[in-house]
PDB file of all heavy atoms in Angstrom:
ATOM      1  N   TRP A   1     -65.746  78.583  14.805  1.00  0.00           N
ATOM      2  CA  TRP A   1     -66.435  79.603  14.173  1.00  0.00           C
ATOM      3  C   TRP A   1     -66.700  79.268  12.676  1.00  0.00           C
ATOM      4  O   TRP A   1     -65.735  78.878  12.011  1.00  0.00           O
ATOM      5  CB  TRP A   1     -65.771  81.007  14.308  1.00  0.00           C
ATOM      6  CG  TRP A   1     -65.703  81.506  15.659  1.00  0.00           C
ATOM      7  CD1 TRP A   1     -64.762  81.362  16.771  1.00  0.00           C
ATOM      8  CD2 TRP A   1     -66.766  82.293  16.241  1.00  0.00           C
ATOM      9  NE1 TRP A   1     -65.227  81.987  17.745  1.00  0.00           N
ATOM     10  CE2 TRP A   1     -66.508  82.642  17.608  1.00  0.00           C
ATOM     11  CE3 TRP A   1     -68.039  82.687  15.800  1.00  0.00           C
ATOM     12  CZ2 TRP A   1     -67.344  83.303  18.390  1.00  0.00           C
ATOM     13  CZ3 TRP A   1     -68.854  83.466  16.616  1.00  0.00           C
ATOM     14  CH2 TRP A   1     -68.551  83.854  17.872  1.00  0.00           C
ATOM     15  N   TYR A   2     -67.882  79.558  12.277  1.00  0.00           N
ATOM     16  CA  TYR A   2     -68.288  79.346  10.954  1.00  0.00           C
ATOM     17  C   TYR A   2     -68.929  80.744  10.424  1.00  0.00           C
ATOM     18  O   TYR A   2     -69.389  81.458  11.310  1.00  0.00           O
ATOM     19  CB  TYR A   2     -69.355  78.242  10.838  1.00  0.00           C
ATOM     20  CG  TYR A   2     -68.839  76.909  11.343  1.00  0.00           C
ATOM     21  CD1 TYR A   2     -68.732  76.694  12.752  1.00  0.00           C
ATOM     22  CD2 TYR A   2     -68.445  75.908  10.538  1.00  0.00           C
ATOM     23  CE1 TYR A   2     -68.169  75.536  13.268  1.00  0.00           C
ATOM     24  CE2 TYR A   2     -67.861  74.693  10.984  1.00  0.00           C
ATOM     25  CZ  TYR A   2     -67.778  74.567  12.359  1.00  0.00           C
ATOM     26  OH  TYR A   2     -67.297  73.304  12.876  1.00  0.00           O
ATOM     27  N   ARG A   3     -68.985  80.876   9.139  1.00  0.00           N
ATOM     28  CA  ARG A   3     -69.558  82.129   8.679  1.00  0.00           C
ATOM     29  C   ARG A   3     -70.369  81.911   7.393  1.00  0.00           C
ATOM     30  O   ARG A   3     -70.201  80.962   6.681  1.00  0.00           O
ATOM     31  CB  ARG A   3     -68.455  83.273   8.381  1.00  0.00           C
ATOM     32  CG  ARG A   3     -67.639  82.804   7.206  1.00  0.00           C
ATOM     33  CD  ARG A   3     -66.447  83.826   7.138  1.00  0.00           C
ATOM     34  NE  ARG A   3     -65.554  83.598   6.094  1.00  0.00           N
ATOM     35  CZ  ARG A   3     -64.410  84.194   5.746  1.00  0.00           C
ATOM     36  NH1 ARG A   3     -64.027  85.288   6.690  1.00  0.00           N
ATOM     37  NH2 ARG A   3     -63.704  84.009   4.809  1.00  0.00           N
ATOM     38  N   GLN A   4     -71.301  82.793   7.220  1.00  0.00           N
ATOM     39  CA  GLN A   4     -72.199  82.658   6.087  1.00  0.00           C
ATOM     40  C   GLN A   4     -72.424  84.143   5.498  1.00  0.00           C
ATOM     41  O   GLN A   4     -73.024  84.989   6.274  1.00  0.00           O
ATOM     42  CB  GLN A   4     -73.563  82.064   6.452  1.00  0.00           C
ATOM     43  CG  GLN A   4     -74.475  81.858   5.292  1.00  0.00           C
ATOM     44  CD  GLN A   4     -75.593  80.839   5.730  1.00  0.00           C
ATOM     45  OE1 GLN A   4     -75.929  80.787   6.909  1.00  0.00           O
ATOM     46  NE2 GLN A   4     -76.278  80.205   4.732  1.00  0.00           N
ATOM     47  N   ALA A   5     -72.031  84.175   4.319  1.00  0.00           N
ATOM     48  CA  ALA A   5     -72.169  85.592   3.607  1.00  0.00           C
ATOM     49  C   ALA A   5     -73.529  85.498   2.925  1.00  0.00           C
ATOM     50  O   ALA A   5     -74.142  84.434   2.704  1.00  0.00           O
ATOM     51  CB  ALA A   5     -71.148  85.832   2.570  1.00  0.00           C
ATOM     52  N   PRO A   6     -74.175  86.637   2.575  1.00  0.00           N
ATOM     53  CA  PRO A   6     -75.503  86.710   2.022  1.00  0.00           C
ATOM     54  C   PRO A   6     -75.437  85.823   0.708  1.00  0.00           C
ATOM     55  O   PRO A   6     -74.593  85.989  -0.241  1.00  0.00           O
ATOM     56  CB  PRO A   6     -75.537  88.275   1.639  1.00  0.00           C
ATOM     57  CG  PRO A   6     -74.872  88.822   2.639  1.00  0.00           C
ATOM     58  CD  PRO A   6     -73.650  87.994   2.889  1.00  0.00           C
ATOM     59  N   GLY A   7     -76.389  84.878   0.582  1.00  0.00           N
ATOM     60  CA  GLY A   7     -76.545  84.136  -0.639  1.00  0.00           C
ATOM     61  C   GLY A   7     -75.531  82.967  -0.680  1.00  0.00           C
ATOM     62  O   GLY A   7     -75.510  82.185  -1.651  1.00  0.00           O
ATOM     63  N   GLY A   8     -74.634  82.897   0.329  1.00  0.00           N
ATOM     64  CA  GLY A   8     -73.613  81.816   0.322  1.00  0.00           C
ATOM     65  C   GLY A   8     -73.891  80.629   1.315  1.00  0.00           C
ATOM     66  O   GLY A   8     -74.759  80.787   2.213  1.00  0.00           O
ATOM     67  N   PRO A   9     -73.100  79.610   1.177  1.00  0.00           N
ATOM     68  CA  PRO A   9     -73.197  78.597   2.252  1.00  0.00           C
ATOM     69  C   PRO A   9     -72.482  78.880   3.507  1.00  0.00           C
ATOM     70  O   PRO A   9     -71.672  79.822   3.581  1.00  0.00           O
ATOM     71  CB  PRO A   9     -72.447  77.267   1.484  1.00  0.00           C
ATOM     72  CG  PRO A   9     -71.461  78.019   0.650  1.00  0.00           C
ATOM     73  CD  PRO A   9     -72.095  79.343   0.291  1.00  0.00           C
ATOM     74  N   ARG A  10     -72.778  78.154   4.500  1.00  0.00           N
ATOM     75  CA  ARG A  10     -72.076  78.200   5.779  1.00  0.00           C
ATOM     76  C   ARG A  10     -70.778  77.584   5.631  1.00  0.00           C
ATOM     77  O   ARG A  10     -70.690  76.421   5.231  1.00  0.00           O
ATOM     78  CB  ARG A  10     -72.854  77.689   6.942  1.00  0.00           C
ATOM     79  CG  ARG A  10     -72.247  78.114   8.312  1.00  0.00           C
ATOM     80  CD  ARG A  10     -73.127  77.689   9.465  1.00  0.00           C
ATOM     81  NE  ARG A  10     -74.323  78.261   9.479  1.00  0.00           N
ATOM     82  CZ  ARG A  10     -75.202  78.300  10.466  1.00  0.00           C
ATOM     83  NH1 ARG A  10     -75.001  77.544  11.595  1.00  0.00           N
ATOM     84  NH2 ARG A  10     -76.415  78.952  10.437  1.00  0.00           N
ATOM     85  N   GLU A  11     -69.602  78.171   6.039  1.00  0.00           N
ATOM     86  CA  GLU A  11     -68.426  77.625   5.822  1.00  0.00           C
ATOM     87  C   GLU A  11     -67.490  77.742   7.128  1.00  0.00           C
ATOM     88  O   GLU A  11     -67.652  78.687   8.040  1.00  0.00           O
ATOM     89  CB  GLU A  11     -67.582  78.469   4.681  1.00  0.00           C
ATOM     90  CG  GLU A  11     -67.369  79.793   4.906  1.00  0.00           C
ATOM     91  CD  GLU A  11     -66.533  80.454   3.923  1.00  0.00           C
ATOM     92  OE1 GLU A  11     -66.291  79.898   2.821  1.00  0.00           O
ATOM     93  OE2 GLU A  11     -66.001  81.651   4.089  1.00  0.00           O
ATOM     94  N   MET A  12     -66.632  76.787   7.244  1.00  0.00           N
ATOM     95  CA  MET A  12     -65.806  76.799   8.450  1.00  0.00           C
ATOM     96  C   MET A  12     -64.786  77.847   8.312  1.00  0.00           C
ATOM     97  O   MET A  12     -64.154  78.058   7.246  1.00  0.00           O
ATOM     98  CB  MET A  12     -65.197  75.367   8.551  1.00  0.00           C
ATOM     99  CG  MET A  12     -64.228  75.130   9.779  1.00  0.00           C
ATOM    100  SD  MET A  12     -62.544  75.842   9.710  1.00  0.00           S
ATOM    101  CE  MET A  12     -61.876  74.508   8.720  1.00  0.00           C
ATOM    102  N   VAL A  13     -64.542  78.616   9.485  1.00  0.00           N
ATOM    103  CA  VAL A  13     -63.549  79.566   9.483  1.00  0.00           C
ATOM    104  C   VAL A  13     -62.384  79.018  10.280  1.00  0.00           C
ATOM    105  O   VAL A  13     -61.262  79.084   9.935  1.00  0.00           O
ATOM    106  CB  VAL A  13     -64.100  80.926  10.147  1.00  0.00           C
ATOM    107  CG1 VAL A  13     -63.013  81.946  10.370  1.00  0.00           C
ATOM    108  CG2 VAL A  13     -65.176  81.470   9.301  1.00  0.00           C
ATOM    109  N   ALA A  14     -62.600  78.682  11.560  1.00  0.00           N
ATOM    110  CA  ALA A  14     -61.489  78.090  12.371  1.00  0.00           C
ATOM    111  C   ALA A  14     -62.268  77.246  13.424  1.00  0.00           C
ATOM    112  O   ALA A  14     -63.372  77.600  14.066  1.00  0.00           O
ATOM    113  CB  ALA A  14     -60.748  79.150  13.045  1.00  0.00           C
ATOM    114  N   VAL A  15     -61.578  76.138  13.622  1.00  0.00           N
ATOM    115  CA  VAL A  15     -62.003  75.155  14.877  1.00  0.00           C
ATOM    116  C   VAL A  15     -60.947  74.954  15.700  1.00  0.00           C
ATOM    117  O   VAL A  15     -59.731  74.805  15.220  1.00  0.00           O
ATOM    118  CB  VAL A  15     -62.676  73.867  14.169  1.00  0.00           C
ATOM    119  CG1 VAL A  15     -63.053  72.961  15.152  1.00  0.00           C
ATOM    120  CG2 VAL A  15     -63.839  74.351  13.256  1.00  0.00           C
ATOM    121  N   ILE A  16     -61.320  74.661  16.991  1.00  0.00           N
ATOM    122  CA  ILE A  16     -60.239  74.202  17.920  1.00  0.00           C
ATOM    123  C   ILE A  16     -60.781  73.098  18.725  1.00  0.00           C
ATOM    124  O   ILE A  16     -61.911  72.994  19.205  1.00  0.00           O
ATOM    125  CB  ILE A  16     -59.794  75.398  18.760  1.00  0.00           C
ATOM    126  CG1 ILE A  16     -58.463  75.030  19.548  1.00  0.00           C
ATOM    127  CG2 ILE A  16     -60.906  75.866  19.673  1.00  0.00           C
ATOM    128  CD1 ILE A  16     -57.794  76.299  20.178  1.00  0.00           C
ATOM    129  N   THR A  17     -59.826  72.103  19.107  1.00  0.00           N
ATOM    130  CA  THR A  17     -60.245  70.994  19.895  1.00  0.00           C
ATOM    131  C   THR A  17     -60.062  71.393  21.372  1.00  0.00           C
ATOM    132  O   THR A  17     -59.533  72.453  21.589  1.00  0.00           O
ATOM    133  CB  THR A  17     -59.277  69.841  19.641  1.00  0.00           C
ATOM    134  OG1 THR A  17     -57.910  70.099  20.167  1.00  0.00           O
ATOM    135  CG2 THR A  17     -59.134  69.379  18.150  1.00  0.00           C
ATOM    136  N   MET A  18     -60.654  70.619  22.232  1.00  0.00           N
ATOM    137  CA  MET A  18     -60.550  70.902  23.677  1.00  0.00           C
ATOM    138  C   MET A  18     -59.216  70.852  24.163  1.00  0.00           C
ATOM    139  O   MET A  18     -58.750  71.334  25.170  1.00  0.00           O
ATOM    140  CB  MET A  18     -61.516  70.061  24.487  1.00  0.00           C
ATOM    141  CG  MET A  18     -62.967  70.347  24.172  1.00  0.00           C
ATOM    142  SD  MET A  18     -63.480  71.952  24.481  1.00  0.00           S
ATOM    143  CE  MET A  18     -63.412  72.795  22.999  1.00  0.00           C
ATOM    144  N   GLY A  19     -58.382  70.197  23.323  1.00  0.00           N
ATOM    145  CA  GLY A  19     -56.846  69.994  23.695  1.00  0.00           C
ATOM    146  C   GLY A  19     -56.067  71.177  23.214  1.00  0.00           C
ATOM    147  O   GLY A  19     -54.946  71.350  23.506  1.00  0.00           O
ATOM    148  N   GLY A  20     -56.724  72.126  22.436  1.00  0.00           N
ATOM    149  CA  GLY A  20     -56.054  73.263  21.877  1.00  0.00           C
ATOM    150  C   GLY A  20     -55.522  73.215  20.511  1.00  0.00           C
ATOM    151  O   GLY A  20     -54.839  74.179  20.105  1.00  0.00           O
ATOM    152  N   SER A  21     -55.771  72.242  19.772  1.00  0.00           N
ATOM    153  CA  SER A  21     -55.284  72.194  18.407  1.00  0.00           C
ATOM    154  C   SER A  21     -56.273  72.869  17.417  1.00  0.00           C
ATOM    155  O   SER A  21     -57.386  72.495  17.270  1.00  0.00           O
ATOM    156  CB  SER A  21     -55.210  70.617  18.032  1.00  0.00           C
ATOM    157  OG  SER A  21     -54.209  69.941  18.837  1.00  0.00           O
ATOM    158  N   PRO A  22     -55.724  73.887  16.649  1.00  0.00           N
ATOM    159  CA  PRO A  22     -56.614  74.545  15.768  1.00  0.00           C
ATOM    160  C   PRO A  22     -56.547  74.138  14.285  1.00  0.00           C
ATOM    161  O   PRO A  22     -55.464  73.451  13.996  1.00  0.00           O
ATOM    162  CB  PRO A  22     -55.932  75.999  15.866  1.00  0.00           C
ATOM    163  CG  PRO A  22     -54.558  75.745  16.044  1.00  0.00           C
ATOM    164  CD  PRO A  22     -54.403  74.435  16.819  1.00  0.00           C
ATOM    165  N   THR A  23     -57.622  74.353  13.607  1.00  0.00           N
ATOM    166  CA  THR A  23     -57.702  74.245  12.098  1.00  0.00           C
ATOM    167  C   THR A  23     -58.245  75.481  11.581  1.00  0.00           C
ATOM    168  O   THR A  23     -59.178  75.951  12.169  1.00  0.00           O
ATOM    169  CB  THR A  23     -58.591  73.001  11.836  1.00  0.00           C
ATOM    170  OG1 THR A  23     -58.039  71.764  12.425  1.00  0.00           O
ATOM    171  CG2 THR A  23     -58.556  72.760  10.350  1.00  0.00           C
ATOM    172  N   TYR A  24     -57.678  75.977  10.433  1.00  0.00           N
ATOM    173  CA  TYR A  24     -58.076  77.195   9.838  1.00  0.00           C
ATOM    174  C   TYR A  24     -58.559  76.972   8.382  1.00  0.00           C
ATOM    175  O   TYR A  24     -58.008  76.117   7.533  1.00  0.00           O
ATOM    176  CB  TYR A  24     -56.999  78.213   9.815  1.00  0.00           C
ATOM    177  CG  TYR A  24     -56.567  78.661  11.236  1.00  0.00           C
ATOM    178  CD1 TYR A  24     -55.522  78.003  11.800  1.00  0.00           C
ATOM    179  CD2 TYR A  24     -57.281  79.704  11.910  1.00  0.00           C
ATOM    180  CE1 TYR A  24     -55.060  78.497  13.154  1.00  0.00           C
ATOM    181  CE2 TYR A  24     -56.961  80.048  13.147  1.00  0.00           C
ATOM    182  CZ  TYR A  24     -55.819  79.459  13.774  1.00  0.00           C
ATOM    183  OH  TYR A  24     -55.412  79.922  15.056  1.00  0.00           O
ATOM    184  N   ALA A  25     -59.409  77.714   7.976  1.00  0.00           N
ATOM    185  CA  ALA A  25     -59.852  77.771   6.448  1.00  0.00           C
ATOM    186  C   ALA A  25     -58.594  78.527   5.778  1.00  0.00           C
ATOM    187  O   ALA A  25     -58.021  79.367   6.338  1.00  0.00           O
ATOM    188  CB  ALA A  25     -60.975  78.574   6.256  1.00  0.00           C
ATOM    189  N   ASN A  26     -58.350  78.107   4.678  1.00  0.00           N
ATOM    190  CA  ASN A  26     -57.119  78.774   3.856  1.00  0.00           C
ATOM    191  C   ASN A  26     -57.460  80.284   3.755  1.00  0.00           C
ATOM    192  O   ASN A  26     -56.430  80.961   3.731  1.00  0.00           O
ATOM    193  CB  ASN A  26     -57.150  78.003   2.466  1.00  0.00           C
ATOM    194  CG  ASN A  26     -56.525  76.606   2.498  1.00  0.00           C
ATOM    195  OD1 ASN A  26     -55.881  76.191   3.455  1.00  0.00           O
ATOM    196  ND2 ASN A  26     -56.930  75.932   1.587  1.00  0.00           N
ATOM    197  N   SER A  27     -58.540  80.621   3.570  1.00  0.00           N
ATOM    198  CA  SER A  27     -58.834  82.084   3.338  1.00  0.00           C
ATOM    199  C   SER A  27     -58.393  82.869   4.630  1.00  0.00           C
ATOM    200  O   SER A  27     -58.396  84.223   4.365  1.00  0.00           O
ATOM    201  CB  SER A  27     -60.310  82.410   2.987  1.00  0.00           C
ATOM    202  OG  SER A  27     -61.141  81.869   4.027  1.00  0.00           O
ATOM    203  N   VAL A  28     -58.337  82.321   5.730  1.00  0.00           N
ATOM    204  CA  VAL A  28     -57.933  83.147   6.993  1.00  0.00           C
ATOM    205  C   VAL A  28     -56.705  82.870   7.628  1.00  0.00           C
ATOM    206  O   VAL A  28     -56.271  83.416   8.558  1.00  0.00           O
ATOM    207  CB  VAL A  28     -59.150  83.065   7.963  1.00  0.00           C
ATOM    208  CG1 VAL A  28     -60.478  83.429   7.446  1.00  0.00           C
ATOM    209  CG2 VAL A  28     -59.120  81.647   8.684  1.00  0.00           C
ATOM    210  N   LYS A  29     -55.971  81.815   7.049  1.00  0.00           N
ATOM    211  CA  LYS A  29     -54.665  81.430   7.591  1.00  0.00           C
ATOM    212  C   LYS A  29     -53.773  82.675   7.602  1.00  0.00           C
ATOM    213  O   LYS A  29     -53.578  83.311   6.576  1.00  0.00           O
ATOM    214  CB  LYS A  29     -54.091  80.187   6.704  1.00  0.00           C
ATOM    215  CG  LYS A  29     -54.640  78.977   7.133  1.00  0.00           C
ATOM    216  CD  LYS A  29     -53.898  77.839   6.386  1.00  0.00           C
ATOM    217  CE  LYS A  29     -54.554  76.524   6.719  1.00  0.00           C
ATOM    218  NZ  LYS A  29     -53.903  75.438   5.924  1.00  0.00           N
ATOM    219  N   GLY A  30     -53.112  82.932   8.678  1.00  0.00           N
ATOM    220  CA  GLY A  30     -52.211  83.861   8.801  1.00  0.00           C
ATOM    221  C   GLY A  30     -52.856  85.302   9.183  1.00  0.00           C
ATOM    222  O   GLY A  30     -52.051  86.313   9.601  1.00  0.00           O
ATOM    223  N   ARG A  31     -54.141  85.357   9.206  1.00  0.00           N
ATOM    224  CA  ARG A  31     -54.786  86.637   9.626  1.00  0.00           C
ATOM    225  C   ARG A  31     -55.597  86.375  10.894  1.00  0.00           C
ATOM    226  O   ARG A  31     -55.777  87.198  11.685  1.00  0.00           O
ATOM    227  CB  ARG A  31     -55.631  87.011   8.521  1.00  0.00           C
ATOM    228  CG  ARG A  31     -54.940  87.387   7.242  1.00  0.00           C
ATOM    229  CD  ARG A  31     -55.918  88.091   6.157  1.00  0.00           C
ATOM    230  NE  ARG A  31     -57.058  87.162   5.851  1.00  0.00           N
ATOM    231  CZ  ARG A  31     -58.417  87.521   5.956  1.00  0.00           C
ATOM    232  NH1 ARG A  31     -58.703  88.704   6.541  1.00  0.00           N
ATOM    233  NH2 ARG A  31     -59.296  86.724   5.501  1.00  0.00           N
ATOM    234  N   PHE A  32     -56.277  85.272  11.007  1.00  0.00           N
ATOM    235  CA  PHE A  32     -57.128  84.980  12.094  1.00  0.00           C
ATOM    236  C   PHE A  32     -56.455  83.924  13.022  1.00  0.00           C
ATOM    237  O   PHE A  32     -55.618  83.044  12.745  1.00  0.00           O
ATOM    238  CB  PHE A  32     -58.462  84.242  11.659  1.00  0.00           C
ATOM    239  CG  PHE A  32     -59.443  85.167  10.836  1.00  0.00           C
ATOM    240  CD1 PHE A  32     -58.983  86.448  10.426  1.00  0.00           C
ATOM    241  CD2 PHE A  32     -60.709  84.812  10.607  1.00  0.00           C
ATOM    242  CE1 PHE A  32     -59.844  87.218   9.766  1.00  0.00           C
ATOM    243  CE2 PHE A  32     -61.550  85.562   9.999  1.00  0.00           C
ATOM    244  CZ  PHE A  32     -61.146  86.859   9.530  1.00  0.00           C
TER     245      PHE A  32
END
């Protein structure tokens, strides 16, 4: 999942591999 706020760039939120390994943006770690 990626997100884009009005006037801002598209940024990564969270990504997961097909093996199930996740990566999170610092801004959402612990919440998402």
